[in-house]
Amino acid sequence: MRSEKIELDQLQQFSPLFLDYLKGKPELKSFYHLPPSPASFQPQIQQKQFSSQYRANLQEVLIEQYSGLPTADAVQENIRLLGLDNTFTVTTGHQLNIFTGPLYFIYKIITTINTCRELSQKYPDYHFVPVYWMASEDHDFEEINNFRLFGKEYRWESSQKGPVGAFSPNGLSSLLKELPESLPVFEKAYTENKTLSAATRQYVHELFAKEGLLVLDASHPKLKASFTDIIKADLLENQANRLVEEQSARLKEMGYKDQVFPREINFFYMKPGLRERIVREGNEFKVLNTELTFSEEELLQEVEQHPERFSPNVILRPLYQEWILPNLAYVGGPAEVAYWLQLKRVFDHFGVPFPLLLPRNFALLINKASQHKLEKTGLEAVELFKDSHELKQQLVLANVEQEISLQEEQKELEALFARIQEKAAAVDKSLEGFVGAEAAKSQKSLENIEKRIKKAEERKHETTLSQVDSLKEKLFPDNSLQERKDSFLNFYINNTGFLQELSQELHPFDFRFNILSSDE
């Protein structure tokens, strides 16, 4: 692969809050703990204290969740290392998108793995374990039930309800038959497992087990049991709501937009087929869209007996993550980094160290065919980020054979009518408006002539302009970044070494946009 790196603020694709965070804007420093650099990990390690009991709990859960999967030495070793006081994790999280979903899911995992690899070299006295946190409790099926392959969207239809991790993946068998290529990794995962969570763990394990990546489903009762005090505090005291609102108000005053919005109670009640918000009405606690009602005493008893039924929303899920993991950094995209910045006071309130916020890698992948088209147009890859109309105008103007701007003629015409208007007004003042109107008509005619000339010039470059359209459609599907739409399978199907090649090109702590093109 050939690599070109572009500063993010050149691309007009990222929010001001995210860019200002990367630049270390002084006004934002109170919204996080330490900047995202290798040097920050030493003080973060000193701050992160994690009990041996929590380590043992985590190991037991992982051993249970990995039972039945093919043994991978790197994975088994990392589970063992988690029992040691000098072992820490770097975590990324993502929804259970079918067939991995958009490319940036892969970028998040590779960034997490490469971060651990780099930290191991910088801090040889410690062990660093990459973790993929499955968002198995999310219930927004529409966000995970589709993926895009070779320009076509594939969609999984299902009437199942509740947390998606508990969904049966049986319905994906028919979708597998629609695909243009056989995908054994996914066929095995979706046909051999009873839940989407287990299926996702299996295919991610097969893709990344050699790198020691641990896949965690945090909905386990043993992990939730350690979080019961926080669950009770949010149900009764509602401090997270106030703290996030105050933090968000400060960000708004600085001109930034909210990413997430807290609620009085930031937990869902969860059972098979059900994940609904808990709300308080007077002295009762109700589960929305159900007949379920609890008194305060009954609800607290439910927390003690069934902590796994209480699912944190986006406000408290990050706190839960840091509560059950010896974690140092979270790897996320721009929107994730932005919403974490709303949460630091919640961490401070509960006495939990705030992790480093490490942006994932960003990339545009240009295959051999697209690279050939790009070379024919004479454009640089970075120019593809421009609007299609602007890009075409640029190409036409760069290759124009005749002067097609009539600006000089418009100035001359304007001066001519000014003289005529002056002469006419000298004869009869009422003619001044008439001449002005005729001047406007003439200017409009000149503008139409210029448009006709430009159109004629564009027709001479139809082939090149058509190639621009094709490139934009291929590399920026739906006028979005490729990484937000296309699946990694577009590249993996024809090159099973793709993940290894990608891993070599993407570097953690390098917060530039990667343009990776074929070097064949």
Protein backbone atom coordinates (compact mmCIF):
# COMPACT_ATOMS: atom_id res chain seq x y z
CA MET A 1 0.00 0.00 0.00
CA ARG A 2 1.02 3.57 -0.64
CA SER A 3 0.26 5.94 2.20
CA GLU A 4 -0.51 9.63 2.26
CA LYS A 5 -1.40 11.45 5.48
CA ILE A 6 -3.62 14.52 5.70
CA GLU A 7 -4.28 16.79 8.68
CA LEU A 8 -7.87 16.30 9.85
CA ASP A 9 -8.72 20.00 9.89
CA GLN A 10 -8.06 20.18 6.13
CA LEU A 11 -10.95 17.85 5.30
CA GLN A 12 -14.02 19.59 6.76
CA GLN A 13 -15.30 16.24 8.02
CA PHE A 14 -14.86 16.59 11.78
CA SER A 15 -16.56 18.63 14.51
CA PRO A 16 -14.87 21.68 16.07
CA LEU A 17 -15.01 19.99 19.51
CA PHE A 18 -13.08 16.95 18.29
CA LEU A 19 -10.48 19.02 16.45
CA ASP A 20 -10.01 21.37 19.41
CA TYR A 21 -9.53 18.36 21.70
CA LEU A 22 -6.77 17.03 19.45
CA LYS A 23 -5.11 20.45 19.39
CA GLY A 24 -5.13 20.55 23.19
CA LYS A 25 -7.20 23.72 23.40
CA PRO A 26 -6.64 25.04 26.96
CA GLU A 27 -10.34 25.74 27.60
CA LEU A 28 -11.13 22.02 27.16
CA LYS A 29 -8.53 20.60 29.54
CA SER A 30 -10.90 20.48 32.51
CA PHE A 31 -13.16 18.12 30.54
CA TYR A 32 -10.62 15.26 30.52
CA HIS A 33 -7.73 14.00 32.60
CA LEU A 34 -4.67 13.58 30.37
CA PRO A 35 -3.99 14.17 26.66
CA PRO A 36 -3.87 11.21 24.23
CA SER A 37 -0.13 10.63 24.04
CA PRO A 38 2.17 7.72 24.98
CA ALA A 39 3.71 9.80 27.77
CA SER A 40 0.31 10.11 29.49
CA PHE A 41 0.10 6.39 30.20
CA GLN A 42 2.65 6.43 33.03
CA PRO A 43 0.64 8.82 35.25
CA GLN A 44 -2.56 7.05 34.17
CA ILE A 45 -1.12 3.73 35.38
CA GLN A 46 -0.24 5.29 38.72
CA GLN A 47 -3.78 6.54 39.14
CA LYS A 48 -5.56 3.34 38.09
CA GLN A 49 -5.87 1.04 41.09
CA PHE A 50 -7.77 -2.19 40.44
CA SER A 51 -8.54 -4.83 43.05
CA SER A 52 -7.43 -8.45 42.77
CA GLN A 53 -11.04 -9.53 43.35
CA TYR A 54 -12.27 -7.57 40.34
CA ARG A 55 -9.43 -9.05 38.30
CA ALA A 56 -10.48 -12.55 39.35
CA ASN A 57 -14.11 -11.81 38.47
CA LEU A 58 -13.08 -10.59 35.03
CA GLN A 59 -10.94 -13.66 34.40
CA GLU A 60 -13.74 -16.02 35.40
CA VAL A 61 -16.22 -14.33 33.09
CA LEU A 62 -13.81 -14.32 30.15
CA ILE A 63 -12.91 -17.99 30.66
CA GLU A 64 -16.61 -18.84 30.67
CA GLN A 65 -17.36 -16.73 27.59
CA TYR A 66 -14.45 -18.21 25.62
CA SER A 67 -15.35 -21.81 26.40
CA GLY A 68 -16.14 -23.63 23.18
CA LEU A 69 -14.07 -21.32 20.98
CA PRO A 70 -10.85 -22.52 19.32
CA THR A 71 -7.92 -22.09 21.67
CA ALA A 72 -5.66 -19.16 20.83
CA ASP A 73 -2.42 -18.87 22.78
CA ALA A 74 -2.35 -15.05 22.68
CA VAL A 75 -5.92 -14.83 24.00
CA GLN A 76 -5.35 -17.37 26.76
CA GLU A 77 -2.16 -15.60 27.79
CA ASN A 78 -3.89 -12.23 27.98
CA ILE A 79 -6.68 -13.67 30.13
CA ARG A 80 -3.99 -15.04 32.45
CA LEU A 81 -2.14 -11.70 32.52
CA LEU A 82 -5.29 -9.90 33.66
CA GLY A 83 -4.77 -11.50 37.08
CA LEU A 84 -1.51 -9.58 37.54
CA ASP A 85 -1.36 -6.13 39.14
CA ASN A 86 0.87 -4.79 36.35
CA THR A 87 -1.59 -5.65 33.56
CA PHE A 88 -3.91 -3.02 32.11
CA THR A 89 -6.35 -2.82 29.24
CA VAL A 90 -6.97 -0.50 26.32
CA THR A 91 -10.60 -0.76 25.24
CA THR A 92 -12.78 0.03 22.29
CA GLY A 93 -16.52 -0.53 22.11
CA HIS A 94 -18.96 -1.01 19.30
CA GLN A 95 -22.40 -2.28 18.43
CA LEU A 96 -22.97 -5.80 17.13
CA ASN A 97 -23.29 -4.78 13.49
CA ILE A 98 -23.83 -7.76 11.23
CA PHE A 99 -20.76 -8.78 9.21
CA THR A 100 -18.77 -6.15 11.21
CA GLY A 101 -20.76 -3.23 9.74
CA PRO A 102 -18.78 -0.17 8.52
CA LEU A 103 -15.02 -0.09 8.04
CA TYR A 104 -14.38 2.08 11.06
CA PHE A 105 -15.21 -0.86 13.34
CA ILE A 106 -12.08 -2.54 11.99
CA TYR A 107 -10.09 0.69 12.39
CA LYS A 108 -11.13 0.89 16.06
CA ILE A 109 -9.93 -2.63 16.78
CA ILE A 110 -6.65 -2.22 14.90
CA THR A 111 -5.98 1.07 16.71
CA THR A 112 -6.60 -0.68 20.04
CA ILE A 113 -4.31 -3.60 19.22
CA ASN A 114 -1.54 -1.37 17.86
CA THR A 115 -1.77 0.91 20.90
CA CYS A 116 -1.12 -2.05 23.20
CA ARG A 117 1.77 -3.16 21.02
CA GLU A 118 3.38 0.30 21.14
CA LEU A 119 2.81 0.67 24.90
CA SER A 120 4.43 -2.71 25.55
CA GLN A 121 7.58 -1.43 23.90
CA LYS A 122 7.54 1.89 25.75
CA TYR A 123 6.65 0.41 29.17
CA PRO A 124 8.23 -3.09 29.32
CA ASP A 125 7.44 -3.46 33.04
CA TYR A 126 3.72 -3.61 32.29
CA HIS A 127 1.37 -5.71 30.19
CA PHE A 128 -1.26 -4.15 27.94
CA VAL A 129 -4.29 -6.11 26.76
CA PRO A 130 -6.59 -4.98 23.91
CA VAL A 131 -10.32 -5.37 24.63
CA TYR A 132 -13.37 -5.14 22.39
CA TRP A 133 -16.41 -4.28 24.50
CA MET A 134 -19.51 -5.62 22.78
CA ALA A 135 -22.53 -3.36 23.08
CA SER A 136 -24.67 -6.45 23.55
CA GLU A 137 -27.34 -4.63 25.58
CA ASP A 138 -28.18 -2.03 22.94
CA HIS A 139 -31.67 -2.42 21.54
CA ASP A 140 -31.54 -0.26 18.42
CA PHE A 141 -31.80 -3.05 15.85
CA GLU A 142 -32.05 -0.64 12.91
CA GLU A 143 -28.50 0.54 13.57
CA ILE A 144 -26.96 -2.92 13.29
CA ASN A 145 -29.12 -4.86 10.83
CA ASN A 146 -27.44 -3.78 7.60
CA PHE A 147 -24.10 -3.57 5.86
CA ARG A 148 -22.82 -2.47 2.45
CA LEU A 149 -20.82 -4.79 0.19
CA PHE A 150 -19.64 -3.99 -3.34
CA GLY A 151 -22.02 -1.02 -3.52
CA LYS A 152 -25.12 -2.97 -2.43
CA GLU A 153 -26.83 -2.77 0.95
CA TYR A 154 -27.83 -6.02 2.64
CA ARG A 155 -30.43 -5.92 5.39
CA TRP A 156 -31.51 -8.41 8.06
CA GLU A 157 -35.21 -8.32 8.85
CA SER A 158 -36.29 -9.65 12.25
CA SER A 159 -39.22 -9.17 14.63
CA GLN A 160 -37.11 -9.91 17.72
CA LYS A 161 -37.17 -7.33 20.51
CA GLY A 162 -34.96 -6.33 23.42
CA PRO A 163 -31.16 -6.32 23.68
CA VAL A 164 -29.67 -7.30 20.34
CA GLY A 165 -26.96 -9.45 21.92
CA ALA A 166 -29.65 -11.96 22.88
CA PHE A 167 -31.14 -12.13 19.36
CA SER A 168 -31.00 -15.47 17.58
CA PRO A 169 -28.86 -15.12 14.42
CA ASN A 170 -30.77 -17.89 12.62
CA GLY A 171 -32.42 -15.40 10.31
CA LEU A 172 -29.04 -14.50 8.86
CA SER A 173 -28.86 -17.84 7.03
CA SER A 174 -31.03 -16.52 4.21
CA LEU A 175 -28.93 -13.34 4.01
CA LEU A 176 -25.77 -15.41 3.67
CA LYS A 177 -27.24 -17.01 0.54
CA GLU A 178 -27.74 -13.59 -1.07
CA LEU A 179 -24.08 -12.62 -0.84
CA PRO A 180 -21.94 -12.71 -3.99
CA GLU A 181 -19.16 -14.65 -2.24
CA SER A 182 -18.98 -17.39 0.37
CA LEU A 183 -17.86 -16.09 3.78
CA PRO A 184 -16.91 -19.13 5.91
CA VAL A 185 -15.89 -17.05 8.96
CA PHE A 186 -19.38 -15.56 9.19
CA GLU A 187 -21.24 -18.66 8.06
CA LYS A 188 -19.77 -20.59 10.98
CA ALA A 189 -20.41 -17.80 13.46
CA TYR A 190 -24.04 -17.22 12.52
CA THR A 191 -25.01 -20.87 12.16
CA GLU A 192 -23.16 -22.35 15.15
CA ASN A 193 -24.27 -19.89 17.86
CA LYS A 194 -27.57 -19.28 19.63
CA THR A 195 -27.10 -15.55 20.18
CA LEU A 196 -25.80 -12.62 18.16
CA SER A 197 -23.41 -11.83 21.00
CA ALA A 198 -21.82 -15.29 20.84
CA ALA A 199 -21.68 -15.16 17.04
CA THR A 200 -19.97 -11.78 17.08
CA ARG A 201 -17.42 -12.99 19.61
CA GLN A 202 -16.65 -15.99 17.41
CA TYR A 203 -15.97 -14.12 14.18
CA VAL A 204 -14.01 -11.33 15.90
CA HIS A 205 -12.02 -14.05 17.67
CA GLU A 206 -11.24 -15.74 14.37
CA LEU A 207 -10.16 -12.47 12.77
CA PHE A 208 -8.05 -11.10 15.64
CA ALA A 209 -7.22 -13.93 18.05
CA LYS A 210 -3.57 -13.99 16.98
CA GLU A 211 -3.28 -10.41 18.21
CA GLY A 212 -4.58 -11.37 21.67
CA LEU A 213 -7.76 -9.29 21.39
CA LEU A 214 -10.26 -10.09 24.15
CA VAL A 215 -13.96 -9.81 23.37
CA LEU A 216 -16.10 -9.04 26.41
CA ASP A 217 -19.86 -9.22 26.91
CA ALA A 218 -20.31 -7.15 30.05
CA SER A 219 -23.95 -8.15 30.62
CA HIS A 220 -22.75 -11.03 32.85
CA PRO A 221 -24.37 -11.15 36.36
CA LYS A 222 -20.98 -11.47 38.07
CA LEU A 223 -19.79 -8.21 36.54
CA LYS A 224 -23.06 -6.38 37.12
CA ALA A 225 -23.06 -7.48 40.79
CA SER A 226 -19.96 -5.38 41.45
CA PHE A 227 -21.81 -2.31 40.13
CA THR A 228 -24.88 -2.50 42.36
CA ASP A 229 -23.95 0.50 44.53
CA ILE A 230 -23.74 2.72 41.43
CA ILE A 231 -27.04 1.37 40.11
CA LYS A 232 -28.78 2.16 43.41
CA ALA A 233 -27.22 5.62 43.60
CA ASP A 234 -28.47 6.57 40.15
CA LEU A 235 -31.96 5.19 40.81
CA LEU A 236 -32.34 7.18 44.01
CA GLU A 237 -30.03 10.20 43.83
CA ASN A 238 -29.91 11.10 40.10
CA GLN A 239 -26.52 12.80 40.42
CA ALA A 240 -25.32 11.79 36.95
CA ASN A 241 -28.17 13.72 35.36
CA ARG A 242 -27.23 16.96 37.14
CA LEU A 243 -23.48 16.58 36.59
CA VAL A 244 -23.74 15.86 32.87
CA GLU A 245 -26.20 18.70 32.34
CA GLU A 246 -23.81 21.11 34.05
CA GLN A 247 -20.87 19.84 32.00
CA SER A 248 -22.92 20.07 28.81
CA ALA A 249 -23.97 23.64 29.62
CA ARG A 250 -20.32 24.64 29.93
CA LEU A 251 -19.56 23.12 26.54
CA LYS A 252 -22.54 24.92 25.00
CA GLU A 253 -21.28 28.23 26.38
CA MET A 254 -18.03 27.53 24.53
CA GLY A 255 -19.96 27.01 21.29
CA TYR A 256 -20.01 23.21 21.13
CA LYS A 257 -22.95 20.88 20.56
CA ASP A 258 -24.17 18.10 22.86
CA GLN A 259 -23.67 14.51 21.73
CA VAL A 260 -25.66 12.74 24.44
CA PHE A 261 -28.42 13.75 26.81
CA PRO A 262 -28.77 12.47 30.40
CA ARG A 263 -31.98 11.42 32.09
CA GLU A 264 -33.09 11.51 35.68
CA ILE A 265 -32.51 7.71 35.78
CA ASN A 266 -29.87 6.39 33.37
CA PHE A 267 -30.76 2.71 33.48
CA PHE A 268 -32.98 0.43 31.45
CA TYR A 269 -34.76 -2.60 32.87
CA MET A 270 -33.81 -5.66 30.87
CA LYS A 271 -35.25 -9.14 30.44
CA PRO A 272 -35.45 -11.50 27.44
CA GLY A 273 -37.18 -9.53 24.69
CA LEU A 274 -37.29 -6.37 26.80
CA ARG A 275 -35.09 -3.32 27.40
CA GLU A 276 -37.08 -0.29 28.51
CA ARG A 277 -36.34 2.86 30.50
CA ILE A 278 -36.95 3.07 34.23
CA VAL A 279 -38.74 6.24 35.35
CA ARG A 280 -39.84 7.48 38.74
CA GLU A 281 -43.41 8.66 39.26
CA GLY A 282 -44.00 9.80 42.82
CA ASN A 283 -43.07 6.94 45.14
CA GLU A 284 -43.13 4.34 42.39
CA PHE A 285 -40.65 3.23 39.76
CA LYS A 286 -42.10 2.18 36.43
CA VAL A 287 -40.70 0.41 33.39
CA LEU A 288 -41.97 2.26 30.35
CA ASN A 289 -44.17 0.46 27.83
CA THR A 290 -44.85 -2.35 30.33
CA GLU A 291 -47.06 -2.99 33.34
CA LEU A 292 -44.01 -3.39 35.59
CA THR A 293 -44.03 -1.21 38.73
CA PHE A 294 -41.74 -1.26 41.78
CA SER A 295 -41.71 0.44 45.13
CA GLU A 296 -38.32 1.77 46.20
CA GLU A 297 -37.77 -1.23 48.47
CA GLU A 298 -38.79 -3.68 45.75
CA LEU A 299 -36.55 -2.05 43.19
CA LEU A 300 -33.50 -2.10 45.47
CA GLN A 301 -34.19 -5.75 46.23
CA GLU A 302 -34.36 -6.42 42.48
CA VAL A 303 -30.96 -4.76 42.06
CA GLU A 304 -29.49 -7.03 44.74
CA GLN A 305 -31.01 -10.23 43.39
CA HIS A 306 -30.79 -9.54 39.65
CA PRO A 307 -28.22 -6.83 38.86
CA GLU A 308 -27.96 -8.17 35.30
CA ARG A 309 -31.46 -6.80 34.65
CA PHE A 310 -30.23 -3.21 34.98
CA SER A 311 -28.64 -1.92 31.82
CA PRO A 312 -26.80 1.44 31.83
CA ASN A 313 -27.51 3.90 29.05
CA VAL A 314 -24.89 5.90 27.15
CA ILE A 315 -24.30 8.14 30.17
CA LEU A 316 -23.33 5.40 32.64
CA ARG A 317 -22.10 2.65 30.33
CA PRO A 318 -18.63 4.30 30.16
CA LEU A 319 -18.49 4.41 33.96
CA TYR A 320 -19.47 0.73 34.13
CA GLN A 321 -16.72 -0.10 31.66
CA GLU A 322 -14.07 1.62 33.75
CA TRP A 323 -15.51 0.06 36.91
CA ILE A 324 -15.03 -3.55 35.80
CA LEU A 325 -11.84 -3.23 33.73
CA PRO A 326 -8.26 -2.27 34.67
CA ASN A 327 -8.55 0.16 31.80
CA LEU A 328 -6.26 3.04 30.84
CA ALA A 329 -7.66 4.35 27.57
CA TYR A 330 -10.76 4.24 25.44
CA VAL A 331 -10.36 4.16 21.65
CA GLY A 332 -13.26 5.85 19.88
CA GLY A 333 -14.40 7.92 16.96
CA PRO A 334 -15.06 11.69 16.93
CA ALA A 335 -18.62 11.46 18.27
CA GLU A 336 -17.54 9.11 21.07
CA VAL A 337 -14.68 11.34 22.16
CA ALA A 338 -17.11 14.27 22.15
CA TYR A 339 -19.67 12.60 24.42
CA TRP A 340 -17.01 11.30 26.82
CA LEU A 341 -16.04 14.94 27.36
CA GLN A 342 -19.51 15.46 28.85
CA LEU A 343 -18.93 12.73 31.46
CA LYS A 344 -15.80 13.53 33.47
CA ARG A 345 -17.64 14.99 36.47
CA VAL A 346 -19.63 11.75 36.79
CA PHE A 347 -16.35 9.86 37.08
CA ASP A 348 -15.06 12.34 39.62
CA HIS A 349 -18.25 12.03 41.67
CA PHE A 350 -17.96 8.24 41.92
CA GLY A 351 -14.19 8.25 42.41
CA VAL A 352 -13.37 6.40 39.19
CA PRO A 353 -10.28 7.46 37.18
CA PHE A 354 -11.20 9.03 33.85
CA PRO A 355 -9.48 7.14 31.00
CA LEU A 356 -7.38 8.61 28.25
CA LEU A 357 -9.55 9.35 25.21
CA LEU A 358 -7.65 8.01 22.22
CA PRO A 359 -9.05 8.73 18.73
CA ARG A 360 -9.16 5.76 16.39
CA ASN A 361 -7.36 5.76 13.05
CA PHE A 362 -9.07 7.23 9.99
CA ALA A 363 -8.55 6.02 6.42
CA LEU A 364 -9.68 6.09 2.81
CA LEU A 365 -8.84 2.91 0.89
CA ILE A 366 -8.29 3.23 -2.87
CA ASN A 367 -8.10 -0.05 -4.77
CA LYS A 368 -6.18 -0.62 -8.00
CA ALA A 369 -9.09 0.22 -10.33
CA SER A 370 -9.93 3.44 -8.52
CA GLN A 371 -6.28 4.41 -8.35
CA HIS A 372 -6.02 4.00 -12.13
CA LYS A 373 -9.07 6.26 -12.64
CA LEU A 374 -7.65 8.83 -10.24
CA GLU A 375 -4.38 8.98 -12.15
CA LYS A 376 -6.28 9.54 -15.42
CA THR A 377 -8.06 12.59 -13.98
CA GLY A 378 -4.80 14.16 -12.85
CA LEU A 379 -6.26 14.83 -9.40
CA GLU A 380 -4.53 14.29 -6.09
CA ALA A 381 -6.31 11.89 -3.71
CA VAL A 382 -6.86 14.62 -1.11
CA GLU A 383 -8.84 16.65 -3.68
CA LEU A 384 -11.53 13.95 -3.71
CA PHE A 385 -12.76 15.26 -0.35
CA LYS A 386 -14.06 18.37 -2.13
CA ASP A 387 -17.67 18.76 -3.24
CA SER A 388 -18.33 17.11 -6.63
CA HIS A 389 -19.44 20.34 -8.29
CA GLU A 390 -16.41 22.23 -7.00
CA LEU A 391 -14.12 19.42 -8.12
CA LYS A 392 -15.55 19.37 -11.64
CA GLN A 393 -15.28 23.14 -11.98
CA GLN A 394 -11.67 22.90 -10.88
CA LEU A 395 -10.94 20.27 -13.53
CA VAL A 396 -12.63 22.22 -16.31
CA LEU A 397 -10.81 25.42 -15.41
CA ALA A 398 -7.48 23.60 -15.16
CA ASN A 399 -7.90 22.13 -18.66
CA VAL A 400 -9.67 24.97 -20.41
CA GLU A 401 -8.43 25.80 -23.88
CA GLN A 402 -10.28 29.11 -24.21
CA GLU A 403 -10.94 31.84 -21.67
CA ILE A 404 -14.47 31.15 -20.44
CA SER A 405 -14.82 33.86 -17.82
CA LEU A 406 -16.57 37.01 -19.04
CA GLN A 407 -15.75 39.07 -15.97
CA GLU A 408 -13.75 41.63 -17.99
CA GLU A 409 -16.56 41.96 -20.51
CA GLN A 410 -19.06 42.41 -17.66
CA LYS A 411 -16.94 45.25 -16.27
CA GLU A 412 -16.72 46.86 -19.70
CA LEU A 413 -20.48 46.52 -20.19
CA GLU A 414 -21.11 48.01 -16.76
CA ALA A 415 -18.89 50.99 -17.59
CA LEU A 416 -20.57 51.41 -21.00
CA PHE A 417 -24.07 51.52 -19.53
CA ALA A 418 -22.90 53.91 -16.82
CA ARG A 419 -21.86 56.37 -19.54
CA ILE A 420 -25.10 55.81 -21.46
CA GLN A 421 -27.13 56.32 -18.29
CA GLU A 422 -25.29 59.57 -17.58
CA LYS A 423 -26.00 60.91 -21.10
CA ALA A 424 -29.64 59.82 -21.02
CA ALA A 425 -30.21 61.42 -17.61
CA ALA A 426 -28.76 64.65 -18.88
CA VAL A 427 -31.44 64.74 -21.58
CA ASP A 428 -34.31 63.39 -19.46
CA LYS A 429 -33.96 62.34 -15.80
CA SER A 430 -36.81 59.82 -16.20
CA LEU A 431 -34.66 57.79 -18.64
CA GLU A 432 -32.18 56.90 -15.89
CA GLY A 433 -34.31 53.99 -14.56
CA PHE A 434 -35.01 52.72 -18.08
CA VAL A 435 -31.30 52.56 -18.93
CA GLY A 436 -30.58 50.86 -15.61
CA ALA A 437 -33.14 48.16 -16.36
CA GLU A 438 -31.66 47.60 -19.81
CA ALA A 439 -28.19 47.35 -18.22
CA ALA A 440 -29.44 44.64 -15.87
CA LYS A 441 -30.93 42.71 -18.81
CA SER A 442 -27.66 42.93 -20.70
CA GLN A 443 -25.66 41.74 -17.70
CA LYS A 444 -28.04 38.79 -17.35
CA SER A 445 -27.59 37.95 -21.03
CA LEU A 446 -23.83 38.03 -20.59
CA GLU A 447 -24.11 35.67 -17.61
CA ASN A 448 -26.18 33.24 -19.71
CA ILE A 449 -23.59 33.38 -22.48
CA GLU A 450 -20.86 32.56 -19.95
CA LYS A 451 -22.86 29.56 -18.68
CA ARG A 452 -23.31 28.31 -22.25
CA ILE A 453 -19.59 28.59 -22.89
CA LYS A 454 -18.82 26.71 -19.66
CA LYS A 455 -21.30 23.96 -20.53
CA ALA A 456 -19.70 23.58 -23.94
CA GLU A 457 -16.29 23.35 -22.31
CA GLU A 458 -17.58 20.75 -19.86
CA ARG A 459 -18.87 18.62 -22.73
CA LYS A 460 -15.32 18.51 -24.09
CA HIS A 461 -14.24 16.91 -20.77
CA GLU A 462 -17.15 14.53 -20.28
CA THR A 463 -14.95 11.45 -19.93
CA THR A 464 -12.85 12.99 -17.18
CA LEU A 465 -15.90 14.37 -15.38
CA SER A 466 -17.59 10.98 -15.60
CA GLN A 467 -14.54 9.45 -13.95
CA VAL A 468 -14.84 11.98 -11.14
CA ASP A 469 -18.48 10.98 -10.61
CA SER A 470 -17.49 7.32 -10.57
CA LEU A 471 -14.68 7.91 -8.07
CA LYS A 472 -16.86 9.98 -5.76
CA GLU A 473 -19.63 7.38 -5.84
CA LYS A 474 -17.16 4.57 -5.17
CA LEU A 475 -15.00 6.22 -2.50
CA PHE A 476 -17.59 8.48 -0.86
CA PRO A 477 -20.82 6.44 -0.93
CA ASP A 478 -23.93 8.53 -0.25
CA ASN A 479 -21.60 11.57 -0.03
CA SER A 480 -20.17 10.17 3.20
CA LEU A 481 -16.74 8.99 4.21
CA GLN A 482 -16.05 5.48 2.94
CA GLU A 483 -15.24 4.25 6.46
CA ARG A 484 -18.77 5.11 7.63
CA LYS A 485 -20.54 3.14 4.88
CA ASP A 486 -18.51 0.35 3.29
CA SER A 487 -17.62 -2.98 4.88
CA PHE A 488 -14.08 -4.26 5.24
CA LEU A 489 -15.29 -7.28 3.25
CA ASN A 490 -14.95 -5.19 0.07
CA PHE A 491 -11.21 -5.69 0.50
CA TYR A 492 -10.93 -8.84 2.64
CA ILE A 493 -12.81 -11.12 0.23
CA ASN A 494 -10.12 -10.72 -2.44
CA ASN A 495 -7.20 -10.38 -0.03
CA THR A 496 -7.24 -12.41 3.19
CA GLY A 497 -4.02 -10.63 4.23
CA PHE A 498 -5.84 -7.30 4.18
CA LEU A 499 -6.11 -6.94 7.98
CA GLN A 500 -2.39 -7.53 8.46
CA GLU A 501 -1.53 -5.01 5.72
CA LEU A 502 -3.90 -2.47 7.23
CA SER A 503 -2.42 -2.99 10.69
CA GLN A 504 1.04 -2.19 9.35
CA GLU A 505 -0.13 1.08 7.80
CA LEU A 506 -2.22 2.47 10.69
CA HIS A 507 -0.32 3.94 13.60
CA PRO A 508 -1.81 4.87 16.98
CA PHE A 509 -1.19 8.39 18.24
CA ASP A 510 -0.94 9.61 14.63
CA PHE A 511 -4.13 11.63 14.39
CA ARG A 512 -3.99 12.31 10.67
CA PHE A 513 -6.22 10.91 7.94
CA ASN A 514 -4.65 8.03 6.02
CA ILE A 515 -5.14 7.72 2.27
CA LEU A 516 -4.07 4.18 1.44
CA SER A 517 -3.86 3.20 -2.22
CA SER A 518 -2.74 0.17 -4.19
CA ASP A 519 0.95 0.11 -5.04
CA GLU A 520 0.61 -2.57 -7.72
